[in-house]
Amino acid sequence: MLHLPSVALLFAAATPPPGEEIDPNLVTPGVVGFLLTSGLAVAVVLLVIDMTRRIRRIRYRAEVTERLDAEEAAAERAEKD
């Protein structure tokens, strides 16, 4: 477990001293970061579409099962009468 002073030292070491320039090409995600982020977004969209399709299929099966059960119950009532 990190102690508070050691965490403060980590953050203090990460900041450059005044007067030094930071190369923006070293701190930006670049093309690789963009490709990974866009790939992740595409994967999430595809998973959401698949999940929606599966939920819809389960709901339709439940409706058909209820309808069949209702028809069977009606047929049993008709036979008893």
N, C-alpha and C. Protein backbone atom coordinates (compact mmCIF):
# COMPACT_ATOMS: atom_id res chain seq x y z
N MET A 1 0.85 -1.17 0.00
CA MET A 1 0.00 0.00 0.00
C MET A 1 0.90 1.23 0.00
N LEU A 2 0.55 2.20 -0.81
CA LEU A 2 1.35 3.41 -0.90
C LEU A 2 0.98 4.37 0.22
N HIS A 3 2.00 4.98 0.76
CA HIS A 3 1.77 5.98 1.79
C HIS A 3 1.61 7.34 1.11
N LEU A 4 0.94 8.23 1.77
CA LEU A 4 0.67 9.55 1.21
C LEU A 4 1.94 10.28 0.79
N PRO A 5 3.02 10.28 1.56
CA PRO A 5 4.23 10.97 1.11
C PRO A 5 4.83 10.37 -0.16
N SER A 6 4.76 9.04 -0.31
CA SER A 6 5.32 8.44 -1.52
C SER A 6 4.48 8.78 -2.74
N VAL A 7 3.16 8.90 -2.59
CA VAL A 7 2.30 9.31 -3.69
C VAL A 7 2.61 10.75 -4.08
N ALA A 8 2.83 11.59 -3.10
CA ALA A 8 3.17 12.99 -3.38
C ALA A 8 4.49 13.07 -4.13
N LEU A 9 5.45 12.21 -3.79
CA LEU A 9 6.73 12.21 -4.50
C LEU A 9 6.56 11.75 -5.95
N LEU A 10 5.66 10.81 -6.19
CA LEU A 10 5.41 10.36 -7.56
C LEU A 10 4.88 11.49 -8.42
N PHE A 11 3.91 12.23 -7.87
CA PHE A 11 3.34 13.33 -8.64
C PHE A 11 4.32 14.49 -8.77
N ALA A 12 5.14 14.71 -7.78
CA ALA A 12 6.11 15.80 -7.85
C ALA A 12 7.17 15.49 -8.89
N ALA A 13 7.54 14.23 -9.03
CA ALA A 13 8.56 13.85 -10.01
C ALA A 13 8.00 13.91 -11.43
N ALA A 14 6.70 13.81 -11.60
CA ALA A 14 6.10 13.80 -12.93
C ALA A 14 6.00 15.19 -13.54
N THR A 15 6.03 16.22 -12.74
CA THR A 15 5.92 17.58 -13.28
C THR A 15 7.31 18.09 -13.63
N PRO A 16 7.46 18.68 -14.81
CA PRO A 16 8.78 19.19 -15.21
C PRO A 16 9.10 20.49 -14.47
N PRO A 17 10.36 20.76 -14.30
CA PRO A 17 10.74 22.02 -13.67
C PRO A 17 10.37 23.20 -14.56
N PRO A 18 10.17 24.37 -13.99
CA PRO A 18 9.80 25.54 -14.79
C PRO A 18 10.89 25.86 -15.82
N GLY A 19 10.47 26.25 -16.99
CA GLY A 19 11.41 26.63 -18.03
C GLY A 19 11.69 25.52 -19.03
N GLU A 20 11.38 24.28 -18.72
CA GLU A 20 11.59 23.18 -19.65
C GLU A 20 10.35 23.00 -20.52
N GLU A 21 10.57 22.77 -21.78
CA GLU A 21 9.47 22.54 -22.72
C GLU A 21 9.17 21.04 -22.79
N ILE A 22 7.89 20.72 -22.95
CA ILE A 22 7.46 19.33 -23.10
C ILE A 22 7.10 19.12 -24.56
N ASP A 23 7.65 18.06 -25.14
CA ASP A 23 7.35 17.74 -26.53
C ASP A 23 5.92 17.18 -26.60
N PRO A 24 5.00 17.87 -27.29
CA PRO A 24 3.61 17.39 -27.33
C PRO A 24 3.47 16.04 -28.02
N ASN A 25 4.40 15.67 -28.86
CA ASN A 25 4.32 14.37 -29.53
C ASN A 25 4.59 13.21 -28.58
N LEU A 26 5.24 13.49 -27.46
CA LEU A 26 5.53 12.44 -26.49
C LEU A 26 4.39 12.22 -25.50
N VAL A 27 3.49 13.18 -25.38
CA VAL A 27 2.43 13.06 -24.38
C VAL A 27 1.04 12.89 -25.00
N THR A 28 0.93 12.82 -26.31
CA THR A 28 -0.36 12.60 -26.96
C THR A 28 -0.49 11.13 -27.34
N PRO A 29 -1.71 10.62 -27.44
CA PRO A 29 -1.88 9.21 -27.76
C PRO A 29 -1.47 8.87 -29.19
N GLY A 30 -1.58 9.80 -30.10
CA GLY A 30 -1.15 9.57 -31.48
C GLY A 30 -2.10 8.65 -32.23
N VAL A 31 -1.60 8.10 -33.31
CA VAL A 31 -2.41 7.25 -34.19
C VAL A 31 -2.78 5.95 -33.50
N VAL A 32 -1.86 5.38 -32.76
CA VAL A 32 -2.13 4.11 -32.08
C VAL A 32 -3.27 4.28 -31.07
N GLY A 33 -3.24 5.35 -30.32
CA GLY A 33 -4.30 5.61 -29.35
C GLY A 33 -5.64 5.82 -30.03
N PHE A 34 -5.62 6.53 -31.16
CA PHE A 34 -6.86 6.74 -31.91
C PHE A 34 -7.40 5.42 -32.43
N LEU A 35 -6.53 4.58 -32.99
CA LEU A 35 -6.98 3.29 -33.52
C LEU A 35 -7.53 2.38 -32.42
N LEU A 36 -6.86 2.36 -31.28
CA LEU A 36 -7.36 1.53 -30.17
C LEU A 36 -8.70 2.05 -29.66
N THR A 37 -8.84 3.35 -29.54
CA THR A 37 -10.10 3.91 -29.06
C THR A 37 -11.22 3.67 -30.05
N SER A 38 -10.96 3.86 -31.33
CA SER A 38 -12.01 3.63 -32.32
C SER A 38 -12.35 2.14 -32.42
N GLY A 39 -11.37 1.27 -32.29
CA GLY A 39 -11.64 -0.17 -32.28
C GLY A 39 -12.49 -0.56 -31.09
N LEU A 40 -12.21 0.02 -29.94
CA LEU A 40 -13.00 -0.25 -28.75
C LEU A 40 -14.44 0.24 -28.94
N ALA A 41 -14.60 1.42 -29.54
CA ALA A 41 -15.95 1.96 -29.79
C ALA A 41 -16.73 1.05 -30.73
N VAL A 42 -16.08 0.57 -31.79
CA VAL A 42 -16.75 -0.34 -32.73
C VAL A 42 -17.14 -1.63 -32.02
N ALA A 43 -16.27 -2.16 -31.19
CA ALA A 43 -16.58 -3.40 -30.46
C ALA A 43 -17.76 -3.20 -29.53
N VAL A 44 -17.83 -2.07 -28.86
CA VAL A 44 -18.95 -1.79 -27.95
C VAL A 44 -20.25 -1.69 -28.73
N VAL A 45 -20.23 -1.01 -29.87
CA VAL A 45 -21.45 -0.89 -30.69
C VAL A 45 -21.91 -2.26 -31.15
N LEU A 46 -20.99 -3.10 -31.60
CA LEU A 46 -21.37 -4.44 -32.05
C LEU A 46 -21.92 -5.28 -30.90
N LEU A 47 -21.35 -5.15 -29.71
CA LEU A 47 -21.87 -5.88 -28.55
C LEU A 47 -23.27 -5.41 -28.16
N VAL A 48 -23.52 -4.12 -28.25
CA VAL A 48 -24.85 -3.59 -27.93
C VAL A 48 -25.88 -4.09 -28.93
N ILE A 49 -25.52 -4.11 -30.21
CA ILE A 49 -26.43 -4.63 -31.23
C ILE A 49 -26.73 -6.10 -30.98
N ASP A 50 -25.72 -6.89 -30.67
CA ASP A 50 -25.91 -8.31 -30.40
C ASP A 50 -26.76 -8.52 -29.15
N MET A 51 -26.52 -7.75 -28.11
CA MET A 51 -27.29 -7.88 -26.88
C MET A 51 -28.76 -7.53 -27.13
N THR A 52 -29.02 -6.49 -27.91
CA THR A 52 -30.39 -6.10 -28.22
C THR A 52 -31.10 -7.21 -28.98
N ARG A 53 -30.40 -7.81 -29.92
CA ARG A 53 -30.99 -8.90 -30.70
C ARG A 53 -31.31 -10.09 -29.80
N ARG A 54 -30.41 -10.42 -28.89
CA ARG A 54 -30.65 -11.56 -27.99
C ARG A 54 -31.80 -11.29 -27.03
N ILE A 55 -31.90 -10.09 -26.50
CA ILE A 55 -32.99 -9.74 -25.59
C ILE A 55 -34.32 -9.79 -26.33
N ARG A 56 -34.35 -9.29 -27.54
CA ARG A 56 -35.58 -9.32 -28.34
C ARG A 56 -36.00 -10.77 -28.60
N ARG A 57 -35.03 -11.62 -28.92
CA ARG A 57 -35.33 -13.03 -29.19
C ARG A 57 -35.90 -13.71 -27.94
N ILE A 58 -35.36 -13.43 -26.77
CA ILE A 58 -35.85 -14.01 -25.53
C ILE A 58 -37.27 -13.53 -25.24
N ARG A 59 -37.52 -12.25 -25.48
CA ARG A 59 -38.85 -11.70 -25.23
C ARG A 59 -39.88 -12.35 -26.16
N TYR A 60 -39.53 -12.53 -27.44
CA TYR A 60 -40.45 -13.18 -28.38
C TYR A 60 -40.72 -14.62 -27.98
N ARG A 61 -39.70 -15.34 -27.54
CA ARG A 61 -39.91 -16.72 -27.09
C ARG A 61 -40.84 -16.77 -25.89
N ALA A 62 -40.69 -15.83 -24.97
CA ALA A 62 -41.56 -15.79 -23.80
C ALA A 62 -43.00 -15.51 -24.23
N GLU A 63 -43.21 -14.61 -25.18
CA GLU A 63 -44.55 -14.31 -25.66
C GLU A 63 -45.18 -15.53 -26.33
N VAL A 64 -44.40 -16.24 -27.13
CA VAL A 64 -44.92 -17.43 -27.81
C VAL A 64 -45.26 -18.51 -26.79
N THR A 65 -44.42 -18.69 -25.78
CA THR A 65 -44.68 -19.68 -24.74
C THR A 65 -45.97 -19.34 -23.99
N GLU A 66 -46.15 -18.06 -23.65
CA GLU A 66 -47.38 -17.65 -22.96
C GLU A 66 -48.61 -17.91 -23.83
N ARG A 67 -48.49 -17.60 -25.11
CA ARG A 67 -49.60 -17.81 -26.03
C ARG A 67 -49.95 -19.30 -26.15
N LEU A 68 -48.92 -20.15 -26.25
CA LEU A 68 -49.16 -21.59 -26.33
C LEU A 68 -49.78 -22.13 -25.05
N ASP A 69 -49.31 -21.64 -23.91
CA ASP A 69 -49.89 -22.06 -22.63
C ASP A 69 -51.35 -21.64 -22.53
N ALA A 70 -51.66 -20.44 -22.99
CA ALA A 70 -53.05 -19.96 -22.96
C ALA A 70 -53.92 -20.81 -23.87
N GLU A 71 -53.41 -21.18 -25.04
CA GLU A 71 -54.18 -22.03 -25.97
C GLU A 71 -54.41 -23.42 -25.38
N GLU A 72 -53.39 -23.98 -24.73
CA GLU A 72 -53.54 -25.29 -24.10
C GLU A 72 -54.56 -25.24 -22.97
N ALA A 73 -54.51 -24.18 -22.17
CA ALA A 73 -55.48 -24.03 -21.07
C ALA A 73 -56.89 -23.88 -21.62
N ALA A 74 -57.05 -23.14 -22.70
CA ALA A 74 -58.37 -22.98 -23.31
C ALA A 74 -58.86 -24.31 -23.88
N ALA A 75 -57.97 -25.09 -24.48
CA ALA A 75 -58.36 -26.39 -25.03
C ALA A 75 -58.76 -27.34 -23.90
N GLU A 76 -58.06 -27.32 -22.78
CA GLU A 76 -58.41 -28.18 -21.65
C GLU A 76 -59.77 -27.79 -21.06
N ARG A 77 -60.04 -26.50 -20.98
CA ARG A 77 -61.33 -26.02 -20.48
C ARG A 77 -62.46 -26.44 -21.44
N ALA A 78 -62.16 -26.38 -22.75
CA ALA A 78 -63.18 -26.76 -23.74
C ALA A 78 -63.47 -28.27 -23.66
N GLU A 79 -62.46 -29.07 -23.37
CA GLU A 79 -62.65 -30.52 -23.26
C GLU A 79 -63.47 -30.86 -22.02
N LYS A 80 -63.29 -30.12 -20.94
CA LYS A 80 -64.02 -30.39 -19.70
C LYS A 80 -65.49 -30.01 -19.82
N ASP A 81 -65.76 -29.03 -20.64
CA ASP A 81 -67.15 -28.57 -20.79
C ASP A 81 -67.94 -29.41 -21.70
